[in-house]
Amino acid sequence: MPMSLRVVLAEDGALMRVGLTALLTRFGHQVVAEATDAAQLVQAVAAHRPDIVVTDVRMPPGFSDEGLRAAVALRKTQPGLAVLVLSQYIEKTYAGELLDSGDGTGVGYLLKDRVGDVAEFIDALQRVAAGGTVVDPEVVRQLLRHRRDPLERLSAREREVLALMAEGRSNAAVARALVVSEAAVGKHIGHILTKLDLPPDDDDHRRVLAVLSFLRA
């Protein structure tokens, strides 16, 4: 039988808040605190140490991204705190930060108008509380569109150099393959690292790993 979760619910809409509280209670979970703004959310988490936070994005006083920003801040100080965002809106900047926090575990982002099944919502809640990650496909699609391809910053020659670096080739080997001088290769690599916001490193192996890690991300 699924474990009972202690939930802090942050939702400024009265009908939605009452409905979610009743739903969670019906499935055996305990809403230990209800918050109607971001400040109350932070206070409730400090006071009750819940298993999971369920929060909207737009909350008083500005009705922009207060709930989501509060969730990001809470995850920075408490990486193990499970957070499930339930909202009508996709706030791309802070959504990305939230999903990247805590190694991406114990976090979820669902859209209210796309949750079509109560049992699926409860399952998502339990999975996030257990350390899983649950994200609506529409959130993923918009985040990917929001994050520009970092390789767009590179020139055609720099892309060629990066491709050879990714194969583990030394500067001398890259120079031979492109029929240019090693000095020219070194200059291209410096530009690549700068454009990809990667600090230069004297260790070629570490440098290649850093580039590959960036590209995988």
N, C-alpha and C. Protein backbone atom coordinates (compact mmCIF):
# COMPACT_ATOMS: atom_id res chain seq x y z
N MET A 1 0.85 -1.20 0.00
CA MET A 1 0.00 0.00 0.00
C MET A 1 0.89 1.24 0.00
N PRO A 2 0.60 2.25 -0.84
CA PRO A 2 1.43 3.45 -0.90
C PRO A 2 1.49 4.15 0.45
N MET A 3 2.67 4.71 0.76
CA MET A 3 2.84 5.40 2.02
C MET A 3 2.06 6.71 2.04
N SER A 4 1.66 7.13 3.24
CA SER A 4 0.98 8.40 3.41
C SER A 4 2.01 9.51 3.40
N LEU A 5 1.76 10.55 2.62
CA LEU A 5 2.70 11.66 2.48
C LEU A 5 2.21 12.88 3.23
N ARG A 6 3.16 13.61 3.80
CA ARG A 6 2.86 14.89 4.44
C ARG A 6 3.12 15.97 3.40
N VAL A 7 2.08 16.72 3.05
CA VAL A 7 2.13 17.63 1.92
C VAL A 7 1.93 19.07 2.37
N VAL A 8 2.78 19.98 1.83
CA VAL A 8 2.50 21.41 1.93
C VAL A 8 1.95 21.82 0.57
N LEU A 9 0.76 22.40 0.57
CA LEU A 9 0.08 22.78 -0.66
C LEU A 9 0.09 24.30 -0.81
N ALA A 10 0.64 24.78 -1.90
CA ALA A 10 0.68 26.23 -2.17
C ALA A 10 -0.17 26.52 -3.39
N GLU A 11 -1.33 27.13 -3.16
CA GLU A 11 -2.29 27.42 -4.22
C GLU A 11 -3.17 28.58 -3.76
N ASP A 12 -3.16 29.68 -4.53
CA ASP A 12 -3.92 30.85 -4.09
C ASP A 12 -5.40 30.77 -4.47
N GLY A 13 -5.77 29.91 -5.43
CA GLY A 13 -7.17 29.76 -5.81
C GLY A 13 -7.92 28.92 -4.78
N ALA A 14 -8.93 29.50 -4.16
CA ALA A 14 -9.62 28.82 -3.07
C ALA A 14 -10.25 27.50 -3.50
N LEU A 15 -10.95 27.49 -4.63
CA LEU A 15 -11.63 26.27 -5.08
C LEU A 15 -10.62 25.17 -5.40
N MET A 16 -9.53 25.53 -6.09
CA MET A 16 -8.50 24.55 -6.43
C MET A 16 -7.83 24.03 -5.16
N ARG A 17 -7.56 24.92 -4.23
CA ARG A 17 -6.89 24.53 -2.98
C ARG A 17 -7.75 23.56 -2.18
N VAL A 18 -9.03 23.89 -2.03
CA VAL A 18 -9.94 23.01 -1.27
C VAL A 18 -10.09 21.68 -1.99
N GLY A 19 -10.21 21.73 -3.31
CA GLY A 19 -10.36 20.50 -4.08
C GLY A 19 -9.14 19.60 -3.98
N LEU A 20 -7.95 20.18 -4.08
CA LEU A 20 -6.73 19.37 -3.98
C LEU A 20 -6.57 18.79 -2.58
N THR A 21 -6.91 19.58 -1.57
CA THR A 21 -6.80 19.09 -0.19
C THR A 21 -7.73 17.89 0.01
N ALA A 22 -8.94 18.00 -0.48
CA ALA A 22 -9.90 16.90 -0.35
C ALA A 22 -9.42 15.66 -1.11
N LEU A 23 -8.89 15.89 -2.31
CA LEU A 23 -8.40 14.78 -3.13
C LEU A 23 -7.24 14.06 -2.45
N LEU A 24 -6.27 14.82 -1.96
CA LEU A 24 -5.11 14.22 -1.31
C LEU A 24 -5.52 13.47 -0.06
N THR A 25 -6.44 14.04 0.69
CA THR A 25 -6.93 13.38 1.91
C THR A 25 -7.64 12.07 1.57
N ARG A 26 -8.42 12.10 0.49
CA ARG A 26 -9.16 10.89 0.09
C ARG A 26 -8.22 9.74 -0.25
N PHE A 27 -7.02 10.08 -0.74
CA PHE A 27 -6.06 9.03 -1.11
C PHE A 27 -5.06 8.75 0.02
N GLY A 28 -5.39 9.22 1.22
CA GLY A 28 -4.59 8.85 2.39
C GLY A 28 -3.43 9.74 2.72
N HIS A 29 -3.32 10.89 2.05
CA HIS A 29 -2.22 11.80 2.33
C HIS A 29 -2.69 12.92 3.27
N GLN A 30 -1.74 13.57 3.92
CA GLN A 30 -2.07 14.61 4.90
C GLN A 30 -1.54 15.96 4.43
N VAL A 31 -2.43 16.92 4.23
CA VAL A 31 -2.01 18.27 3.91
C VAL A 31 -1.71 18.97 5.23
N VAL A 32 -0.43 19.11 5.54
CA VAL A 32 -0.04 19.65 6.85
C VAL A 32 -0.11 21.17 6.89
N ALA A 33 -0.11 21.81 5.70
CA ALA A 33 -0.23 23.27 5.65
C ALA A 33 -0.67 23.69 4.27
N GLU A 34 -1.46 24.77 4.23
CA GLU A 34 -1.88 25.37 2.97
C GLU A 34 -1.31 26.79 2.90
N ALA A 35 -0.73 27.13 1.77
CA ALA A 35 -0.15 28.46 1.58
C ALA A 35 -0.84 29.14 0.41
N THR A 36 -1.06 30.43 0.55
CA THR A 36 -1.70 31.18 -0.52
C THR A 36 -0.76 32.17 -1.19
N ASP A 37 0.49 32.23 -0.72
CA ASP A 37 1.50 33.03 -1.40
C ASP A 37 2.88 32.42 -1.14
N ALA A 38 3.89 32.94 -1.81
CA ALA A 38 5.21 32.34 -1.75
C ALA A 38 5.83 32.43 -0.35
N ALA A 39 5.61 33.54 0.33
CA ALA A 39 6.17 33.69 1.67
C ALA A 39 5.60 32.65 2.62
N GLN A 40 4.30 32.42 2.53
CA GLN A 40 3.67 31.39 3.36
C GLN A 40 4.21 30.01 3.03
N LEU A 41 4.49 29.77 1.76
CA LEU A 41 5.05 28.48 1.34
C LEU A 41 6.38 28.23 2.03
N VAL A 42 7.26 29.19 1.98
CA VAL A 42 8.58 29.04 2.60
C VAL A 42 8.44 28.82 4.11
N GLN A 43 7.57 29.58 4.74
CA GLN A 43 7.35 29.44 6.19
C GLN A 43 6.77 28.07 6.53
N ALA A 44 5.84 27.59 5.70
CA ALA A 44 5.21 26.30 5.97
C ALA A 44 6.21 25.15 5.87
N VAL A 45 7.09 25.23 4.88
CA VAL A 45 8.11 24.18 4.73
C VAL A 45 9.04 24.17 5.93
N ALA A 46 9.44 25.36 6.39
CA ALA A 46 10.33 25.45 7.55
C ALA A 46 9.65 24.90 8.80
N ALA A 47 8.35 25.15 8.93
CA ALA A 47 7.64 24.74 10.14
C ALA A 47 7.26 23.26 10.16
N HIS A 48 6.96 22.71 8.98
CA HIS A 48 6.38 21.36 8.95
C HIS A 48 7.28 20.28 8.35
N ARG A 49 8.35 20.67 7.67
CA ARG A 49 9.25 19.69 7.05
C ARG A 49 8.47 18.59 6.31
N PRO A 50 7.75 18.95 5.27
CA PRO A 50 6.88 17.97 4.58
C PRO A 50 7.69 16.97 3.75
N ASP A 51 6.99 15.93 3.32
CA ASP A 51 7.59 14.97 2.40
C ASP A 51 7.64 15.55 0.99
N ILE A 52 6.67 16.41 0.67
CA ILE A 52 6.59 16.96 -0.68
C ILE A 52 5.83 18.30 -0.66
N VAL A 53 6.21 19.17 -1.57
CA VAL A 53 5.51 20.43 -1.78
C VAL A 53 4.77 20.34 -3.11
N VAL A 54 3.51 20.74 -3.12
CA VAL A 54 2.76 20.88 -4.36
C VAL A 54 2.46 22.38 -4.50
N THR A 55 2.93 22.98 -5.57
CA THR A 55 2.79 24.43 -5.68
C THR A 55 2.37 24.88 -7.08
N ASP A 56 1.63 25.98 -7.10
CA ASP A 56 1.32 26.66 -8.35
C ASP A 56 2.51 27.54 -8.71
N VAL A 57 2.51 28.10 -9.92
CA VAL A 57 3.59 28.99 -10.36
C VAL A 57 3.26 30.43 -10.00
N ARG A 58 2.11 30.90 -10.44
CA ARG A 58 1.74 32.31 -10.27
C ARG A 58 0.94 32.49 -8.98
N MET A 59 1.52 33.29 -8.09
CA MET A 59 0.90 33.51 -6.78
C MET A 59 1.05 34.97 -6.39
N PRO A 60 0.28 35.42 -5.36
CA PRO A 60 0.42 36.79 -4.90
C PRO A 60 1.87 37.03 -4.39
N PRO A 61 2.33 38.28 -4.41
CA PRO A 61 1.55 39.47 -4.76
C PRO A 61 1.61 39.84 -6.24
N GLY A 62 2.56 39.32 -6.98
CA GLY A 62 2.75 39.76 -8.36
C GLY A 62 2.06 38.90 -9.40
N PHE A 63 1.67 37.68 -9.03
CA PHE A 63 1.03 36.74 -9.95
C PHE A 63 1.86 36.54 -11.22
N SER A 64 3.17 36.36 -11.02
CA SER A 64 4.04 36.08 -12.17
C SER A 64 4.68 34.71 -12.01
N ASP A 65 5.70 34.60 -11.16
CA ASP A 65 6.39 33.32 -10.99
C ASP A 65 6.79 33.07 -9.54
N GLU A 66 6.08 33.71 -8.61
CA GLU A 66 6.48 33.66 -7.20
C GLU A 66 6.55 32.23 -6.64
N GLY A 67 5.55 31.42 -6.95
CA GLY A 67 5.54 30.05 -6.43
C GLY A 67 6.69 29.23 -6.93
N LEU A 68 7.01 29.37 -8.21
CA LEU A 68 8.10 28.61 -8.80
C LEU A 68 9.45 29.08 -8.28
N ARG A 69 9.59 30.40 -8.14
CA ARG A 69 10.86 30.92 -7.61
C ARG A 69 11.08 30.46 -6.17
N ALA A 70 10.00 30.41 -5.41
CA ALA A 70 10.10 29.92 -4.03
C ALA A 70 10.53 28.45 -4.02
N ALA A 71 9.98 27.67 -4.93
CA ALA A 71 10.34 26.25 -5.01
C ALA A 71 11.82 26.07 -5.37
N VAL A 72 12.31 26.89 -6.31
CA VAL A 72 13.72 26.83 -6.70
C VAL A 72 14.60 27.18 -5.50
N ALA A 73 14.22 28.24 -4.77
CA ALA A 73 15.00 28.65 -3.60
C ALA A 73 15.00 27.56 -2.52
N LEU A 74 13.85 26.92 -2.31
CA LEU A 74 13.77 25.86 -1.31
C LEU A 74 14.65 24.67 -1.70
N ARG A 75 14.68 24.35 -2.98
CA ARG A 75 15.50 23.22 -3.43
C ARG A 75 16.99 23.53 -3.32
N LYS A 76 17.36 24.80 -3.38
CA LYS A 76 18.77 25.15 -3.22
C LYS A 76 19.23 24.93 -1.79
N THR A 77 18.37 25.24 -0.84
CA THR A 77 18.73 25.06 0.57
C THR A 77 18.41 23.65 1.07
N GLN A 78 17.44 23.00 0.42
CA GLN A 78 17.07 21.63 0.80
C GLN A 78 16.97 20.77 -0.46
N PRO A 79 18.09 20.34 -1.02
CA PRO A 79 18.08 19.59 -2.29
C PRO A 79 17.22 18.34 -2.26
N GLY A 80 17.01 17.77 -1.07
CA GLY A 80 16.21 16.55 -0.97
C GLY A 80 14.72 16.79 -0.88
N LEU A 81 14.30 18.06 -0.84
CA LEU A 81 12.88 18.36 -0.74
C LEU A 81 12.18 18.06 -2.07
N ALA A 82 11.19 17.18 -2.04
CA ALA A 82 10.44 16.86 -3.25
C ALA A 82 9.47 17.98 -3.57
N VAL A 83 9.41 18.37 -4.84
CA VAL A 83 8.54 19.46 -5.28
C VAL A 83 7.80 19.05 -6.54
N LEU A 84 6.48 19.20 -6.51
CA LEU A 84 5.66 18.96 -7.69
C LEU A 84 4.94 20.27 -8.03
N VAL A 85 5.28 20.84 -9.17
CA VAL A 85 4.62 22.05 -9.65
C VAL A 85 3.37 21.63 -10.41
N LEU A 86 2.25 22.26 -10.07
CA LEU A 86 0.98 21.99 -10.75
C LEU A 86 0.41 23.35 -11.15
N SER A 87 0.44 23.64 -12.44
CA SER A 87 0.10 24.98 -12.88
C SER A 87 -0.52 24.98 -14.27
N GLN A 88 -1.10 26.11 -14.63
CA GLN A 88 -1.58 26.32 -16.00
C GLN A 88 -0.48 26.86 -16.89
N TYR A 89 0.62 27.29 -16.27
CA TYR A 89 1.63 28.04 -17.00
C TYR A 89 2.99 27.35 -16.99
N ILE A 90 3.75 27.58 -18.05
CA ILE A 90 5.12 27.11 -18.13
C ILE A 90 6.02 28.33 -18.06
N GLU A 91 6.71 28.48 -16.94
CA GLU A 91 7.65 29.59 -16.78
C GLU A 91 9.04 29.03 -17.07
N LYS A 92 9.53 29.29 -18.30
CA LYS A 92 10.66 28.53 -18.82
C LYS A 92 11.95 28.70 -18.03
N THR A 93 12.29 29.91 -17.64
CA THR A 93 13.58 30.13 -16.98
C THR A 93 13.68 29.37 -15.67
N TYR A 94 12.72 29.59 -14.78
CA TYR A 94 12.79 28.95 -13.47
C TYR A 94 12.38 27.48 -13.54
N ALA A 95 11.60 27.10 -14.53
CA ALA A 95 11.27 25.68 -14.70
C ALA A 95 12.55 24.89 -14.97
N GLY A 96 13.40 25.44 -15.83
CA GLY A 96 14.68 24.78 -16.11
C GLY A 96 15.53 24.67 -14.86
N GLU A 97 15.58 25.74 -14.06
CA GLU A 97 16.36 25.71 -12.82
C GLU A 97 15.82 24.67 -11.85
N LEU A 98 14.51 24.61 -11.75
CA LEU A 98 13.90 23.65 -10.83
C LEU A 98 14.22 22.23 -11.24
N LEU A 99 14.08 21.94 -12.52
CA LEU A 99 14.30 20.57 -13.00
C LEU A 99 15.78 20.18 -12.95
N ASP A 100 16.67 21.17 -12.95
CA ASP A 100 18.10 20.89 -12.84
C ASP A 100 18.55 20.76 -11.39
N SER A 101 17.73 21.19 -10.44
CA SER A 101 18.13 21.20 -9.04
C SER A 101 18.11 19.81 -8.44
N GLY A 102 18.94 19.62 -7.43
CA GLY A 102 18.96 18.34 -6.73
C GLY A 102 19.23 17.16 -7.64
N ASP A 103 20.08 17.36 -8.64
CA ASP A 103 20.39 16.31 -9.63
C ASP A 103 19.16 15.84 -10.39
N GLY A 104 18.11 16.67 -10.42
CA GLY A 104 16.92 16.33 -11.19
C GLY A 104 16.05 15.27 -10.57
N THR A 105 16.29 14.93 -9.29
CA THR A 105 15.49 13.91 -8.63
C THR A 105 14.46 14.56 -7.72
N GLY A 106 13.36 13.86 -7.51
CA GLY A 106 12.33 14.35 -6.60
C GLY A 106 11.69 15.64 -7.05
N VAL A 107 11.40 15.73 -8.35
CA VAL A 107 10.84 16.97 -8.88
C VAL A 107 9.88 16.65 -10.02
N GLY A 108 8.83 17.49 -10.14
CA GLY A 108 7.86 17.28 -11.22
C GLY A 108 7.24 18.59 -11.65
N TYR A 109 6.71 18.61 -12.87
CA TYR A 109 6.05 19.80 -13.40
C TYR A 109 4.90 19.31 -14.27
N LEU A 110 3.67 19.51 -13.78
CA LEU A 110 2.48 19.09 -14.50
C LEU A 110 1.61 20.30 -14.82
N LEU A 111 0.87 20.22 -15.91
CA LEU A 111 -0.04 21.28 -16.31
C LEU A 111 -1.47 20.89 -15.91
N LYS A 112 -2.13 21.82 -15.23
CA LYS A 112 -3.46 21.52 -14.69
C LYS A 112 -4.43 21.03 -15.75
N ASP A 113 -4.44 21.71 -16.90
CA ASP A 113 -5.44 21.36 -17.90
C ASP A 113 -5.09 20.10 -18.69
N ARG A 114 -3.91 19.51 -18.40
CA ARG A 114 -3.53 18.28 -19.09
C ARG A 114 -3.53 17.06 -18.16
N VAL A 115 -3.91 17.28 -16.90
CA VAL A 115 -4.05 16.15 -15.97
C VAL A 115 -5.46 15.61 -16.12
N GLY A 116 -5.58 14.52 -16.84
CA GLY A 116 -6.91 14.00 -17.17
C GLY A 116 -7.37 12.87 -16.30
N ASP A 117 -6.52 12.42 -15.38
CA ASP A 117 -6.87 11.26 -14.58
C ASP A 117 -6.36 11.47 -13.16
N VAL A 118 -7.26 11.37 -12.18
CA VAL A 118 -6.90 11.59 -10.78
C VAL A 118 -5.86 10.58 -10.32
N ALA A 119 -6.03 9.32 -10.70
CA ALA A 119 -5.09 8.29 -10.27
C ALA A 119 -3.69 8.57 -10.81
N GLU A 120 -3.60 9.10 -12.03
CA GLU A 120 -2.29 9.43 -12.60
C GLU A 120 -1.63 10.56 -11.82
N PHE A 121 -2.43 11.53 -11.39
CA PHE A 121 -1.88 12.63 -10.60
C PHE A 121 -1.34 12.11 -9.28
N ILE A 122 -2.10 11.27 -8.59
CA ILE A 122 -1.66 10.72 -7.32
C ILE A 122 -0.40 9.87 -7.52
N ASP A 123 -0.36 9.12 -8.61
CA ASP A 123 0.83 8.32 -8.91
C ASP A 123 2.05 9.22 -9.13
N ALA A 124 1.85 10.33 -9.87
CA ALA A 124 2.94 11.28 -10.10
C ALA A 124 3.44 11.86 -8.78
N LEU A 125 2.51 12.20 -7.89
CA LEU A 125 2.86 12.73 -6.57
C LEU A 125 3.74 11.74 -5.82
N GLN A 126 3.34 10.48 -5.82
CA GLN A 126 4.09 9.46 -5.08
C GLN A 126 5.45 9.20 -5.71
N ARG A 127 5.51 9.23 -7.02
CA ARG A 127 6.80 9.01 -7.70
C ARG A 127 7.78 10.13 -7.41
N VAL A 128 7.29 11.38 -7.42
CA VAL A 128 8.16 12.52 -7.12
C VAL A 128 8.63 12.44 -5.67
N ALA A 129 7.72 12.14 -4.75
CA ALA A 129 8.09 12.04 -3.34
C ALA A 129 9.13 10.95 -3.10
N ALA A 130 9.12 9.92 -3.95
CA ALA A 130 10.06 8.81 -3.81
C ALA A 130 11.39 9.09 -4.52
N GLY A 131 11.52 10.31 -5.08
CA GLY A 131 12.78 10.66 -5.74
C GLY A 131 12.74 10.61 -7.25
N GLY A 132 11.57 10.34 -7.82
CA GLY A 132 11.45 10.29 -9.27
C GLY A 132 11.27 11.66 -9.89
N THR A 133 11.22 11.67 -11.20
CA THR A 133 11.02 12.91 -11.96
C THR A 133 9.84 12.71 -12.90
N VAL A 134 8.87 13.62 -12.83
CA VAL A 134 7.67 13.53 -13.67
C VAL A 134 7.46 14.90 -14.32
N VAL A 135 7.52 14.94 -15.64
CA VAL A 135 7.39 16.21 -16.35
C VAL A 135 6.43 16.04 -17.52
N ASP A 136 5.48 16.96 -17.63
CA ASP A 136 4.56 16.93 -18.75
C ASP A 136 5.33 17.10 -20.06
N PRO A 137 5.02 16.31 -21.10
CA PRO A 137 5.75 16.42 -22.37
C PRO A 137 5.71 17.83 -22.97
N GLU A 138 4.64 18.58 -22.75
CA GLU A 138 4.57 19.94 -23.27
C GLU A 138 5.58 20.85 -22.59
N VAL A 139 5.83 20.61 -21.31
CA VAL A 139 6.86 21.37 -20.59
C VAL A 139 8.23 21.08 -21.20
N VAL A 140 8.49 19.80 -21.45
CA VAL A 140 9.77 19.41 -22.06
C VAL A 140 9.94 20.07 -23.42
N ARG A 141 8.89 20.05 -24.23
CA ARG A 141 8.96 20.61 -25.58
C ARG A 141 9.29 22.10 -25.54
N GLN A 142 8.62 22.82 -24.66
CA GLN A 142 8.85 24.26 -24.60
C GLN A 142 10.21 24.61 -24.03
N LEU A 143 10.69 23.80 -23.08
CA LEU A 143 12.02 24.06 -22.52
C LEU A 143 13.10 23.82 -23.56
N LEU A 144 12.94 22.77 -24.36
CA LEU A 144 13.92 22.49 -25.41
C LEU A 144 13.93 23.60 -26.45
N ARG A 145 12.76 24.12 -26.77
CA ARG A 145 12.68 25.21 -27.73
C ARG A 145 13.29 26.48 -27.16
N HIS A 146 13.15 26.64 -25.84
CA HIS A 146 13.66 27.84 -25.16
C HIS A 146 15.18 27.83 -25.10
N ARG A 147 15.75 26.65 -24.92
CA ARG A 147 17.20 26.53 -24.80
C ARG A 147 17.83 26.44 -26.18
N ARG A 148 18.44 27.49 -26.62
CA ARG A 148 19.05 27.51 -27.95
C ARG A 148 20.23 26.55 -28.01
N ASP A 149 20.46 26.03 -29.19
CA ASP A 149 21.59 25.14 -29.42
C ASP A 149 22.88 25.92 -29.20
N PRO A 150 23.71 25.50 -28.24
CA PRO A 150 24.95 26.24 -27.98
C PRO A 150 25.90 26.25 -29.17
N LEU A 151 25.77 25.25 -30.05
CA LEU A 151 26.66 25.18 -31.20
C LEU A 151 26.37 26.27 -32.23
N GLU A 152 25.22 26.93 -32.09
CA GLU A 152 24.91 28.02 -33.01
C GLU A 152 25.94 29.15 -32.91
N ARG A 153 26.62 29.22 -31.77
CA ARG A 153 27.61 30.29 -31.57
C ARG A 153 28.91 30.03 -32.33
N LEU A 154 29.12 28.80 -32.74
CA LEU A 154 30.40 28.42 -33.34
C LEU A 154 30.41 28.62 -34.85
N SER A 155 31.59 28.97 -35.37
CA SER A 155 31.76 29.06 -36.82
C SER A 155 31.88 27.65 -37.39
N ALA A 156 31.81 27.55 -38.71
CA ALA A 156 31.92 26.24 -39.36
C ALA A 156 33.25 25.57 -39.04
N ARG A 157 34.34 26.34 -39.05
CA ARG A 157 35.66 25.79 -38.74
C ARG A 157 35.73 25.33 -37.29
N GLU A 158 35.14 26.11 -36.40
CA GLU A 158 35.15 25.75 -34.98
C GLU A 158 34.35 24.48 -34.73
N ARG A 159 33.30 24.27 -35.49
CA ARG A 159 32.54 23.01 -35.38
C ARG A 159 33.39 21.83 -35.83
N GLU A 160 34.17 22.03 -36.87
CA GLU A 160 35.06 20.96 -37.35
C GLU A 160 36.08 20.61 -36.28
N VAL A 161 36.66 21.64 -35.66
CA VAL A 161 37.64 21.42 -34.61
C VAL A 161 37.00 20.70 -33.43
N LEU A 162 35.81 21.12 -33.05
CA LEU A 162 35.12 20.50 -31.92
C LEU A 162 34.82 19.03 -32.20
N ALA A 163 34.41 18.73 -33.42
CA ALA A 163 34.11 17.34 -33.78
C ALA A 163 35.35 16.46 -33.63
N LEU A 164 36.51 16.99 -34.05
CA LEU A 164 37.76 16.23 -33.93
C LEU A 164 38.19 16.14 -32.47
N MET A 165 37.99 17.20 -31.71
CA MET A 165 38.28 17.14 -30.27
C MET A 165 37.44 16.07 -29.60
N ALA A 166 36.18 15.98 -30.01
CA ALA A 166 35.27 15.00 -29.41
C ALA A 166 35.71 13.57 -29.68
N GLU A 167 36.52 13.40 -30.72
CA GLU A 167 37.07 12.07 -31.02
C GLU A 167 38.30 11.79 -30.18
N GLY A 168 38.72 12.77 -29.38
CA GLY A 168 39.88 12.58 -28.51
C GLY A 168 41.20 12.90 -29.18
N ARG A 169 41.17 13.61 -30.30
CA ARG A 169 42.41 13.91 -31.01
C ARG A 169 43.18 15.04 -30.34
N SER A 170 44.48 14.96 -30.43
CA SER A 170 45.34 16.01 -29.89
C SER A 170 45.30 17.22 -30.81
N ASN A 171 45.87 18.33 -30.34
CA ASN A 171 45.94 19.53 -31.17
C ASN A 171 46.71 19.27 -32.45
N ALA A 172 47.80 18.47 -32.33
CA ALA A 172 48.61 18.16 -33.51
C ALA A 172 47.81 17.34 -34.52
N ALA A 173 47.02 16.39 -34.01
CA ALA A 173 46.22 15.54 -34.90
C ALA A 173 45.13 16.36 -35.58
N VAL A 174 44.52 17.29 -34.85
CA VAL A 174 43.49 18.16 -35.43
C VAL A 174 44.12 19.02 -36.51
N ALA A 175 45.33 19.55 -36.24
CA ALA A 175 46.02 20.39 -37.21
C ALA A 175 46.30 19.62 -38.49
N ARG A 176 46.75 18.36 -38.36
CA ARG A 176 47.03 17.55 -39.56
C ARG A 176 45.75 17.28 -40.34
N ALA A 177 44.67 16.98 -39.62
CA ALA A 177 43.41 16.66 -40.31
C ALA A 177 42.86 17.85 -41.08
N LEU A 178 43.05 19.05 -40.53
CA LEU A 178 42.48 20.25 -41.17
C LEU A 178 43.51 21.01 -42.01
N VAL A 179 44.74 20.49 -42.00
CA VAL A 179 45.84 21.12 -42.76
C VAL A 179 46.00 22.59 -42.35
N VAL A 180 46.13 22.78 -41.05
CA VAL A 180 46.40 24.10 -40.49
C VAL A 180 47.49 23.95 -39.44
N SER A 181 47.97 25.04 -38.92
CA SER A 181 49.01 24.99 -37.90
C SER A 181 48.42 24.67 -36.53
N GLU A 182 49.30 24.15 -35.64
CA GLU A 182 48.84 23.88 -34.28
C GLU A 182 48.44 25.16 -33.57
N ALA A 183 49.11 26.25 -33.91
CA ALA A 183 48.77 27.54 -33.31
C ALA A 183 47.35 27.94 -33.68
N ALA A 184 46.97 27.67 -34.94
CA ALA A 184 45.62 28.00 -35.39
C ALA A 184 44.60 27.14 -34.65
N VAL A 185 44.93 25.86 -34.45
CA VAL A 185 44.03 24.97 -33.72
C VAL A 185 43.84 25.45 -32.28
N GLY A 186 44.96 25.82 -31.64
CA GLY A 186 44.88 26.33 -30.28
C GLY A 186 43.99 27.55 -30.18
N LYS A 187 44.09 28.42 -31.20
CA LYS A 187 43.26 29.63 -31.21
C LYS A 187 41.79 29.26 -31.36
N HIS A 188 41.49 28.31 -32.26
CA HIS A 188 40.10 27.87 -32.45
C HIS A 188 39.54 27.27 -31.16
N ILE A 189 40.36 26.46 -30.48
CA ILE A 189 39.90 25.82 -29.25
C ILE A 189 39.61 26.87 -28.18
N GLY A 190 40.45 27.87 -28.10
CA GLY A 190 40.20 28.95 -27.15
C GLY A 190 38.88 29.64 -27.42
N HIS A 191 38.59 29.88 -28.72
CA HIS A 191 37.32 30.51 -29.08
C HIS A 191 36.14 29.60 -28.74
N ILE A 192 36.31 28.30 -28.98
CA ILE A 192 35.23 27.34 -28.70
C ILE A 192 34.89 27.33 -27.21
N LEU A 193 35.94 27.24 -26.39
CA LEU A 193 35.70 27.18 -24.95
C LEU A 193 35.06 28.47 -24.44
N THR A 194 35.47 29.59 -25.02
CA THR A 194 34.88 30.87 -24.61
C THR A 194 33.42 30.94 -25.00
N LYS A 195 33.10 30.54 -26.24
CA LYS A 195 31.73 30.62 -26.72
C LYS A 195 30.80 29.64 -26.00
N LEU A 196 31.37 28.52 -25.53
CA LEU A 196 30.56 27.53 -24.82
C LEU A 196 30.60 27.74 -23.31
N ASP A 197 31.19 28.88 -22.90
CA ASP A 197 31.26 29.22 -21.48
C ASP A 197 31.96 28.15 -20.66
N LEU A 198 33.03 27.60 -21.23
CA LEU A 198 33.84 26.60 -20.55
C LEU A 198 35.22 27.19 -20.28
N PRO A 199 35.72 27.10 -19.05
CA PRO A 199 37.04 27.66 -18.76
C PRO A 199 38.14 26.89 -19.46
N PRO A 200 39.13 27.56 -20.04
CA PRO A 200 40.25 26.86 -20.67
C PRO A 200 40.98 25.99 -19.64
N ASP A 201 41.55 24.89 -20.10
CA ASP A 201 42.24 23.97 -19.21
C ASP A 201 43.45 23.42 -19.95
N ASP A 202 44.56 23.30 -19.25
CA ASP A 202 45.78 22.80 -19.89
C ASP A 202 45.72 21.30 -20.16
N ASP A 203 44.83 20.61 -19.47
CA ASP A 203 44.71 19.17 -19.62
C ASP A 203 43.76 18.88 -20.78
N ASP A 204 44.30 18.36 -21.90
CA ASP A 204 43.48 18.11 -23.09
C ASP A 204 42.36 17.14 -22.79
N HIS A 205 42.64 16.08 -22.02
CA HIS A 205 41.62 15.06 -21.75
C HIS A 205 40.46 15.68 -20.97
N ARG A 206 40.78 16.45 -19.94
CA ARG A 206 39.72 17.09 -19.15
C ARG A 206 38.94 18.08 -20.00
N ARG A 207 39.63 18.75 -20.89
CA ARG A 207 38.97 19.74 -21.75
C ARG A 207 37.96 19.06 -22.67
N VAL A 208 38.33 17.95 -23.25
CA VAL A 208 37.42 17.22 -24.14
C VAL A 208 36.22 16.71 -23.35
N LEU A 209 36.46 16.17 -22.15
CA LEU A 209 35.37 15.69 -21.34
C LEU A 209 34.40 16.82 -20.98
N ALA A 210 34.96 18.00 -20.71
CA ALA A 210 34.12 19.14 -20.38
C ALA A 210 33.23 19.52 -21.55
N VAL A 211 33.80 19.53 -22.75
CA VAL A 211 33.03 19.86 -23.95
C VAL A 211 31.94 18.83 -24.19
N LEU A 212 32.30 17.56 -24.06
CA LEU A 212 31.30 16.51 -24.30
C LEU A 212 30.19 16.56 -23.27
N SER A 213 30.55 16.86 -22.01
CA SER A 213 29.53 16.99 -20.98
C SER A 213 28.57 18.13 -21.30
N PHE A 214 29.13 19.23 -21.78
CA PHE A 214 28.29 20.38 -22.14
C PHE A 214 27.34 20.02 -23.28
N LEU A 215 27.85 19.32 -24.27
CA LEU A 215 27.02 18.98 -25.43
C LEU A 215 25.94 17.97 -25.06
N ARG A 216 26.25 17.05 -24.17
CA ARG A 216 25.23 16.08 -23.73
C ARG A 216 24.12 16.79 -22.98
N ALA A 217 24.49 17.83 -22.22
CA ALA A 217 23.47 18.58 -21.47
C ALA A 217 22.57 19.37 -22.40
